Amino acid sequence: MARLSVSLSEPNDNWLKSQISDHNEFTNKSDLINDLIRQARRSEAVNAKLKQAEESGFVDQSKDDMLAEFKARINK
């Protein structure tokens, strides 16, 4: 796994800490940041698919098929 050192503003650091302590879903900042990046990647995939659909005029995939495709891409 790649390592990265980042500097956070105090409000952002406090927000990260609160997400970890308040929700018990994440054990550390790295887990939370990785999840935020996964969410951003998923959003990009959805937005790209929507743009493609808008430009082509139609999409032949069902919403369930699209969701499965997005999840498969994210989990690679």
PDB file of N, CA and C in Angstrom:
ATOM      1  N   MET A   1       0.846  -1.172   0.000  1.00  0.00           N
ATOM      2  CA  MET A   1       0.000   0.000   0.000  1.00  0.00           C
ATOM      3  C   MET A   1       0.898   1.244   0.000  1.00  0.00           C
ATOM      4  N   ALA A   2       0.522   2.219  -0.775  1.00  0.00           N
ATOM      5  CA  ALA A   2       1.292   3.458  -0.871  1.00  0.00           C
ATOM      6  C   ALA A   2       1.139   4.280   0.399  1.00  0.00           C
ATOM      7  N   ARG A   3       2.195   4.969   0.749  1.00  0.00           N
ATOM      8  CA  ARG A   3       2.157   5.870   1.905  1.00  0.00           C
ATOM      9  C   ARG A   3       2.215   7.299   1.392  1.00  0.00           C
ATOM     10  N   LEU A   4       1.526   8.175   2.111  1.00  0.00           N
ATOM     11  CA  LEU A   4       1.452   9.565   1.700  1.00  0.00           C
ATOM     12  C   LEU A   4       1.375  10.432   2.950  1.00  0.00           C
ATOM     13  N   SER A   5       2.106  11.494   2.941  1.00  0.00           N
ATOM     14  CA  SER A   5       2.042  12.441   4.039  1.00  0.00           C
ATOM     15  C   SER A   5       1.306  13.684   3.552  1.00  0.00           C
ATOM     16  N   VAL A   6       0.282  14.093   4.280  1.00  0.00           N
ATOM     17  CA  VAL A   6      -0.483  15.270   3.888  1.00  0.00           C
ATOM     18  C   VAL A   6      -0.615  16.223   5.070  1.00  0.00           C
ATOM     19  N   SER A   7      -0.799  17.468   4.758  1.00  0.00           N
ATOM     20  CA  SER A   7      -1.072  18.477   5.778  1.00  0.00           C
ATOM     21  C   SER A   7      -2.533  18.877   5.667  1.00  0.00           C
ATOM     22  N   LEU A   8      -3.196  18.931   6.803  1.00  0.00           N
ATOM     23  CA  LEU A   8      -4.612  19.288   6.836  1.00  0.00           C
ATOM     24  C   LEU A   8      -4.800  20.589   7.590  1.00  0.00           C
ATOM     25  N   SER A   9      -5.786  21.339   7.154  1.00  0.00           N
ATOM     26  CA  SER A   9      -6.142  22.523   7.931  1.00  0.00           C
ATOM     27  C   SER A   9      -6.762  22.038   9.238  1.00  0.00           C
ATOM     28  N   GLU A  10      -6.747  22.880  10.245  1.00  0.00           N
ATOM     29  CA  GLU A  10      -7.292  22.483  11.543  1.00  0.00           C
ATOM     30  C   GLU A  10      -8.763  22.074  11.464  1.00  0.00           C
ATOM     31  N   PRO A  11      -9.614  22.836  10.739  1.00  0.00           N
ATOM     32  CA  PRO A  11     -11.015  22.410  10.644  1.00  0.00           C
ATOM     33  C   PRO A  11     -11.170  21.033   9.977  1.00  0.00           C
ATOM     34  N   ASN A  12     -10.371  20.767   8.943  1.00  0.00           N
ATOM     35  CA  ASN A  12     -10.465  19.466   8.275  1.00  0.00           C
ATOM     36  C   ASN A  12      -9.969  18.344   9.183  1.00  0.00           C
ATOM     37  N   ASP A  13      -8.905  18.597   9.908  1.00  0.00           N
ATOM     38  CA  ASP A  13      -8.398  17.599  10.845  1.00  0.00           C
ATOM     39  C   ASP A  13      -9.424  17.322  11.940  1.00  0.00           C
ATOM     40  N   ASN A  14     -10.036  18.371  12.454  1.00  0.00           N
ATOM     41  CA  ASN A  14     -11.068  18.193  13.477  1.00  0.00           C
ATOM     42  C   ASN A  14     -12.259  17.415  12.940  1.00  0.00           C
ATOM     43  N   TRP A  15     -12.634  17.686  11.694  1.00  0.00           N
ATOM     44  CA  TRP A  15     -13.744  16.959  11.091  1.00  0.00           C
ATOM     45  C   TRP A  15     -13.418  15.480  10.971  1.00  0.00           C
ATOM     46  N   LEU A  16     -12.208  15.169  10.474  1.00  0.00           N
ATOM     47  CA  LEU A  16     -11.801  13.768  10.370  1.00  0.00           C
ATOM     48  C   LEU A  16     -11.847  13.081  11.731  1.00  0.00           C
ATOM     49  N   LYS A  17     -11.298  13.732  12.739  1.00  0.00           N
ATOM     50  CA  LYS A  17     -11.303  13.160  14.091  1.00  0.00           C
ATOM     51  C   LYS A  17     -12.723  12.916  14.577  1.00  0.00           C
ATOM     52  N   SER A  18     -13.623  13.843  14.301  1.00  0.00           N
ATOM     53  CA  SER A  18     -15.003  13.683  14.764  1.00  0.00           C
ATOM     54  C   SER A  18     -15.691  12.527  14.040  1.00  0.00           C
ATOM     55  N   GLN A  19     -15.374  12.330  12.757  1.00  0.00           N
ATOM     56  CA  GLN A  19     -15.965  11.222  12.011  1.00  0.00           C
ATOM     57  C   GLN A  19     -15.534   9.883  12.593  1.00  0.00           C
ATOM     58  N   ILE A  20     -14.305   9.820  13.039  1.00  0.00           N
ATOM     59  CA  ILE A  20     -13.778   8.576  13.609  1.00  0.00           C
ATOM     60  C   ILE A  20     -14.368   8.336  14.994  1.00  0.00           C
ATOM     61  N   SER A  21     -14.391   9.367  15.819  1.00  0.00           N
ATOM     62  CA  SER A  21     -14.848   9.178  17.197  1.00  0.00           C
ATOM     63  C   SER A  21     -16.366   9.097  17.314  1.00  0.00           C
ATOM     64  N   ASP A  22     -17.097   9.787  16.448  1.00  0.00           N
ATOM     65  CA  ASP A  22     -18.556   9.835  16.568  1.00  0.00           C
ATOM     66  C   ASP A  22     -19.271   8.660  15.915  1.00  0.00           C
ATOM     67  N   HIS A  23     -18.697   8.070  14.891  1.00  0.00           N
ATOM     68  CA  HIS A  23     -19.425   7.071  14.113  1.00  0.00           C
ATOM     69  C   HIS A  23     -18.935   5.641  14.321  1.00  0.00           C
ATOM     70  N   ASN A  24     -17.759   5.462  14.849  1.00  0.00           N
ATOM     71  CA  ASN A  24     -17.188   4.127  15.089  1.00  0.00           C
ATOM     72  C   ASN A  24     -17.155   3.251  13.843  1.00  0.00           C
ATOM     73  N   GLU A  25     -17.268   3.854  12.677  1.00  0.00           N
ATOM     74  CA  GLU A  25     -17.198   3.098  11.432  1.00  0.00           C
ATOM     75  C   GLU A  25     -15.757   2.950  10.966  1.00  0.00           C
ATOM     76  N   PHE A  26     -14.926   3.904  11.336  1.00  0.00           N
ATOM     77  CA  PHE A  26     -13.529   3.914  10.921  1.00  0.00           C
ATOM     78  C   PHE A  26     -12.637   3.877  12.152  1.00  0.00           C
ATOM     79  N   THR A  27     -11.508   3.188  12.012  1.00  0.00           N
ATOM     80  CA  THR A  27     -10.597   3.080  13.150  1.00  0.00           C
ATOM     81  C   THR A  27      -9.493   4.127  13.118  1.00  0.00           C
ATOM     82  N   ASN A  28      -9.270   4.718  11.942  1.00  0.00           N
ATOM     83  CA  ASN A  28      -8.221   5.737  11.843  1.00  0.00           C
ATOM     84  C   ASN A  28      -8.494   6.641  10.635  1.00  0.00           C
ATOM     85  N   LYS A  29      -7.697   7.676  10.523  1.00  0.00           N
ATOM     86  CA  LYS A  29      -7.881   8.640   9.440  1.00  0.00           C
ATOM     87  C   LYS A  29      -7.634   8.018   8.072  1.00  0.00           C
ATOM     88  N   SER A  30      -6.688   7.107   7.984  1.00  0.00           N
ATOM     89  CA  SER A  30      -6.394   6.472   6.693  1.00  0.00           C
ATOM     90  C   SER A  30      -7.606   5.724   6.151  1.00  0.00           C
ATOM     91  N   ASP A  31      -8.290   4.975   7.022  1.00  0.00           N
ATOM     92  CA  ASP A  31      -9.489   4.256   6.579  1.00  0.00           C
ATOM     93  C   ASP A  31     -10.549   5.222   6.066  1.00  0.00           C
ATOM     94  N   LEU A  32     -10.739   6.306   6.794  1.00  0.00           N
ATOM     95  CA  LEU A  32     -11.741   7.298   6.400  1.00  0.00           C
ATOM     96  C   LEU A  32     -11.359   7.970   5.087  1.00  0.00           C
ATOM     97  N   ILE A  33     -10.109   8.357   4.934  1.00  0.00           N
ATOM     98  CA  ILE A  33      -9.669   9.018   3.704  1.00  0.00           C
ATOM     99  C   ILE A  33      -9.799   8.074   2.510  1.00  0.00           C
ATOM    100  N   ASN A  34      -9.433   6.814   2.687  1.00  0.00           N
ATOM    101  CA  ASN A  34      -9.610   5.838   1.601  1.00  0.00           C
ATOM    102  C   ASN A  34     -11.072   5.702   1.219  1.00  0.00           C
ATOM    103  N   ASP A  35     -11.969   5.706   2.208  1.00  0.00           N
ATOM    104  CA  ASP A  35     -13.394   5.624   1.908  1.00  0.00           C
ATOM    105  C   ASP A  35     -13.871   6.866   1.161  1.00  0.00           C
ATOM    106  N   LEU A  36     -13.407   8.029   1.556  1.00  0.00           N
ATOM    107  CA  LEU A  36     -13.779   9.263   0.861  1.00  0.00           C
ATOM    108  C   LEU A  36     -13.300   9.235  -0.590  1.00  0.00           C
ATOM    109  N   ILE A  37     -12.104   8.703  -0.818  1.00  0.00           N
ATOM    110  CA  ILE A  37     -11.586   8.602  -2.184  1.00  0.00           C
ATOM    111  C   ILE A  37     -12.425   7.615  -2.994  1.00  0.00           C
ATOM    112  N   ARG A  38     -12.804   6.475  -2.388  1.00  0.00           N
ATOM    113  CA  ARG A  38     -13.674   5.514  -3.086  1.00  0.00           C
ATOM    114  C   ARG A  38     -14.990   6.173  -3.483  1.00  0.00           C
ATOM    115  N   GLN A  39     -15.552   6.957  -2.581  1.00  0.00           N
ATOM    116  CA  GLN A  39     -16.808   7.642  -2.888  1.00  0.00           C
ATOM    117  C   GLN A  39     -16.629   8.624  -4.040  1.00  0.00           C
ATOM    118  N   ALA A  40     -15.507   9.345  -4.043  1.00  0.00           N
ATOM    119  CA  ALA A  40     -15.242  10.295  -5.125  1.00  0.00           C
ATOM    120  C   ALA A  40     -15.076   9.566  -6.453  1.00  0.00           C
ATOM    121  N   ARG A  41     -14.378   8.425  -6.428  1.00  0.00           N
ATOM    122  CA  ARG A  41     -14.197   7.642  -7.653  1.00  0.00           C
ATOM    123  C   ARG A  41     -15.531   7.127  -8.168  1.00  0.00           C
ATOM    124  N   ARG A  42     -16.381   6.685  -7.264  1.00  0.00           N
ATOM    125  CA  ARG A  42     -17.709   6.201  -7.648  1.00  0.00           C
ATOM    126  C   ARG A  42     -18.507   7.335  -8.274  1.00  0.00           C
ATOM    127  N   SER A  43     -18.437   8.516  -7.684  1.00  0.00           N
ATOM    128  CA  SER A  43     -19.154   9.671  -8.231  1.00  0.00           C
ATOM    129  C   SER A  43     -18.656  10.011  -9.630  1.00  0.00           C
ATOM    130  N   GLU A  44     -17.342   9.955  -9.821  1.00  0.00           N
ATOM    131  CA  GLU A  44     -16.790  10.219 -11.151  1.00  0.00           C
ATOM    132  C   GLU A  44     -17.313   9.213 -12.176  1.00  0.00           C
ATOM    133  N   ALA A  45     -17.375   7.940 -11.791  1.00  0.00           N
ATOM    134  CA  ALA A  45     -17.861   6.906 -12.707  1.00  0.00           C
ATOM    135  C   ALA A  45     -19.320   7.144 -13.061  1.00  0.00           C
ATOM    136  N   VAL A  46     -20.123   7.485 -12.073  1.00  0.00           N
ATOM    137  CA  VAL A  46     -21.538   7.758 -12.315  1.00  0.00           C
ATOM    138  C   VAL A  46     -21.689   8.975 -13.213  1.00  0.00           C
ATOM    139  N   ASN A  47     -20.953  10.025 -12.919  1.00  0.00           N
ATOM    140  CA  ASN A  47     -21.041  11.241 -13.732  1.00  0.00           C
ATOM    141  C   ASN A  47     -20.589  10.998 -15.166  1.00  0.00           C
ATOM    142  N   ALA A  48     -19.548  10.192 -15.352  1.00  0.00           N
ATOM    143  CA  ALA A  48     -19.087   9.884 -16.709  1.00  0.00           C
ATOM    144  C   ALA A  48     -20.154   9.107 -17.471  1.00  0.00           C
ATOM    145  N   LYS A  49     -20.792   8.176 -16.794  1.00  0.00           N
ATOM    146  CA  LYS A  49     -21.846   7.388 -17.434  1.00  0.00           C
ATOM    147  C   LYS A  49     -23.036   8.276 -17.788  1.00  0.00           C
ATOM    148  N   LEU A  50     -23.395   9.183 -16.900  1.00  0.00           N
ATOM    149  CA  LEU A  50     -24.493  10.102 -17.183  1.00  0.00           C
ATOM    150  C   LEU A  50     -24.170  11.007 -18.363  1.00  0.00           C
ATOM    151  N   LYS A  51     -22.936  11.495 -18.407  1.00  0.00           N
ATOM    152  CA  LYS A  51     -22.525  12.348 -19.525  1.00  0.00           C
ATOM    153  C   LYS A  51     -22.589  11.571 -20.836  1.00  0.00           C
ATOM    154  N   GLN A  52     -22.104  10.325 -20.803  1.00  0.00           N
ATOM    155  CA  GLN A  52     -22.165   9.481 -22.004  1.00  0.00           C
ATOM    156  C   GLN A  52     -23.616   9.278 -22.431  1.00  0.00           C
ATOM    157  N   ALA A  53     -24.485   9.044 -21.479  1.00  0.00           N
ATOM    158  CA  ALA A  53     -25.899   8.832 -21.798  1.00  0.00           C
ATOM    159  C   ALA A  53     -26.521  10.086 -22.394  1.00  0.00           C
ATOM    160  N   GLU A  54     -26.202  11.233 -21.806  1.00  0.00           N
ATOM    161  CA  GLU A  54     -26.747  12.485 -22.319  1.00  0.00           C
ATOM    162  C   GLU A  54     -26.270  12.757 -23.730  1.00  0.00           C
ATOM    163  N   GLU A  55     -25.009  12.447 -23.999  1.00  0.00           N
ATOM    164  CA  GLU A  55     -24.455  12.724 -25.322  1.00  0.00           C
ATOM    165  C   GLU A  55     -24.961  11.751 -26.381  1.00  0.00           C
ATOM    166  N   SER A  56     -25.262  10.525 -25.988  1.00  0.00           N
ATOM    167  CA  SER A  56     -25.711   9.541 -26.970  1.00  0.00           C
ATOM    168  C   SER A  56     -27.219   9.578 -27.184  1.00  0.00           C
ATOM    169  N   GLY A  57     -27.927  10.146 -26.226  1.00  0.00           N
ATOM    170  CA  GLY A  57     -29.372  10.218 -26.365  1.00  0.00           C
ATOM    171  C   GLY A  57     -30.102   9.089 -25.691  1.00  0.00           C
ATOM    172  N   PHE A  58     -29.432   7.968 -25.440  1.00  0.00           N
ATOM    173  CA  PHE A  58     -30.074   6.856 -24.755  1.00  0.00           C
ATOM    174  C   PHE A  58     -29.015   5.903 -24.211  1.00  0.00           C
ATOM    175  N   VAL A  59     -29.417   5.089 -23.262  1.00  0.00           N
ATOM    176  CA  VAL A  59     -28.557   4.054 -22.696  1.00  0.00           C
ATOM    177  C   VAL A  59     -29.358   2.767 -22.671  1.00  0.00           C
ATOM    178  N   ASP A  60     -28.725   1.686 -23.088  1.00  0.00           N
ATOM    179  CA  ASP A  60     -29.455   0.424 -23.127  1.00  0.00           C
ATOM    180  C   ASP A  60     -29.276  -0.421 -21.871  1.00  0.00           C
ATOM    181  N   GLN A  61     -28.525   0.090 -20.876  1.00  0.00           N
ATOM    182  CA  GLN A  61     -28.349  -0.628 -19.618  1.00  0.00           C
ATOM    183  C   GLN A  61     -29.448  -0.252 -18.631  1.00  0.00           C
ATOM    184  N   SER A  62     -29.836  -1.220 -17.824  1.00  0.00           N
ATOM    185  CA  SER A  62     -30.766  -0.905 -16.741  1.00  0.00           C
ATOM    186  C   SER A  62     -29.985  -0.231 -15.619  1.00  0.00           C
ATOM    187  N   LYS A  63     -30.696   0.417 -14.715  1.00  0.00           N
ATOM    188  CA  LYS A  63     -30.011   1.074 -13.606  1.00  0.00           C
ATOM    189  C   LYS A  63     -29.277   0.058 -12.741  1.00  0.00           C
ATOM    190  N   ASP A  64     -29.821  -1.160 -12.596  1.00  0.00           N
ATOM    191  CA  ASP A  64     -29.151  -2.200 -11.821  1.00  0.00           C
ATOM    192  C   ASP A  64     -27.858  -2.655 -12.497  1.00  0.00           C
ATOM    193  N   ASP A  65     -27.879  -2.766 -13.832  1.00  0.00           N
ATOM    194  CA  ASP A  65     -26.676  -3.131 -14.574  1.00  0.00           C
ATOM    195  C   ASP A  65     -25.606  -2.050 -14.447  1.00  0.00           C
ATOM    196  N   MET A  66     -26.020  -0.785 -14.520  1.00  0.00           N
ATOM    197  CA  MET A  66     -25.065   0.316 -14.355  1.00  0.00           C
ATOM    198  C   MET A  66     -24.431   0.283 -12.970  1.00  0.00           C
ATOM    199  N   LEU A  67     -25.256   0.095 -11.946  1.00  0.00           N
ATOM    200  CA  LEU A  67     -24.752   0.063 -10.578  1.00  0.00           C
ATOM    201  C   LEU A  67     -23.752  -1.084 -10.411  1.00  0.00           C
ATOM    202  N   ALA A  68     -24.053  -2.246 -10.959  1.00  0.00           N
ATOM    203  CA  ALA A  68     -23.143  -3.388 -10.872  1.00  0.00           C
ATOM    204  C   ALA A  68     -21.827  -3.073 -11.573  1.00  0.00           C
ATOM    205  N   GLU A  69     -21.898  -2.404 -12.713  1.00  0.00           N
ATOM    206  CA  GLU A  69     -20.688  -2.023 -13.445  1.00  0.00           C
ATOM    207  C   GLU A  69     -19.851  -1.043 -12.639  1.00  0.00           C
ATOM    208  N   PHE A  70     -20.491  -0.044 -12.032  1.00  0.00           N
ATOM    209  CA  PHE A  70     -19.760   0.938 -11.222  1.00  0.00           C
ATOM    210  C   PHE A  70     -19.073   0.264 -10.054  1.00  0.00           C
ATOM    211  N   LYS A  71     -19.789  -0.627  -9.374  1.00  0.00           N
ATOM    212  CA  LYS A  71     -19.211  -1.321  -8.217  1.00  0.00           C
ATOM    213  C   LYS A  71     -18.031  -2.186  -8.629  1.00  0.00           C
ATOM    214  N   ALA A  72     -18.126  -2.834  -9.775  1.00  0.00           N
ATOM    215  CA  ALA A  72     -17.033  -3.676 -10.254  1.00  0.00           C
ATOM    216  C   ALA A  72     -15.789  -2.841 -10.545  1.00  0.00           C
ATOM    217  N   ARG A  73     -15.983  -1.660 -11.131  1.00  0.00           N
ATOM    218  CA  ARG A  73     -14.849  -0.784 -11.437  1.00  0.00           C
ATOM    219  C   ARG A  73     -14.174  -0.286 -10.166  1.00  0.00           C
ATOM    220  N   ILE A  74     -14.965   0.058  -9.173  1.00  0.00           N
ATOM    221  CA  ILE A  74     -14.430   0.599  -7.924  1.00  0.00           C
ATOM    222  C   ILE A  74     -13.653  -0.477  -7.166  1.00  0.00           C
ATOM    223  N   ASN A  75     -14.109  -1.704  -7.229  1.00  0.00           N
ATOM    224  CA  ASN A  75     -13.478  -2.781  -6.466  1.00  0.00           C
ATOM    225  C   ASN A  75     -12.240  -3.358  -7.128  1.00  0.00           C
ATOM    226  N   LYS A  76     -11.859  -2.852  -8.268  1.00  0.00           N
ATOM    227  CA  LYS A  76     -10.655  -3.346  -8.952  1.00  0.00           C
ATOM    228  C   LYS A  76      -9.418  -2.844  -8.277  1.00  0.00           C
TER     229      LYS A  76
END
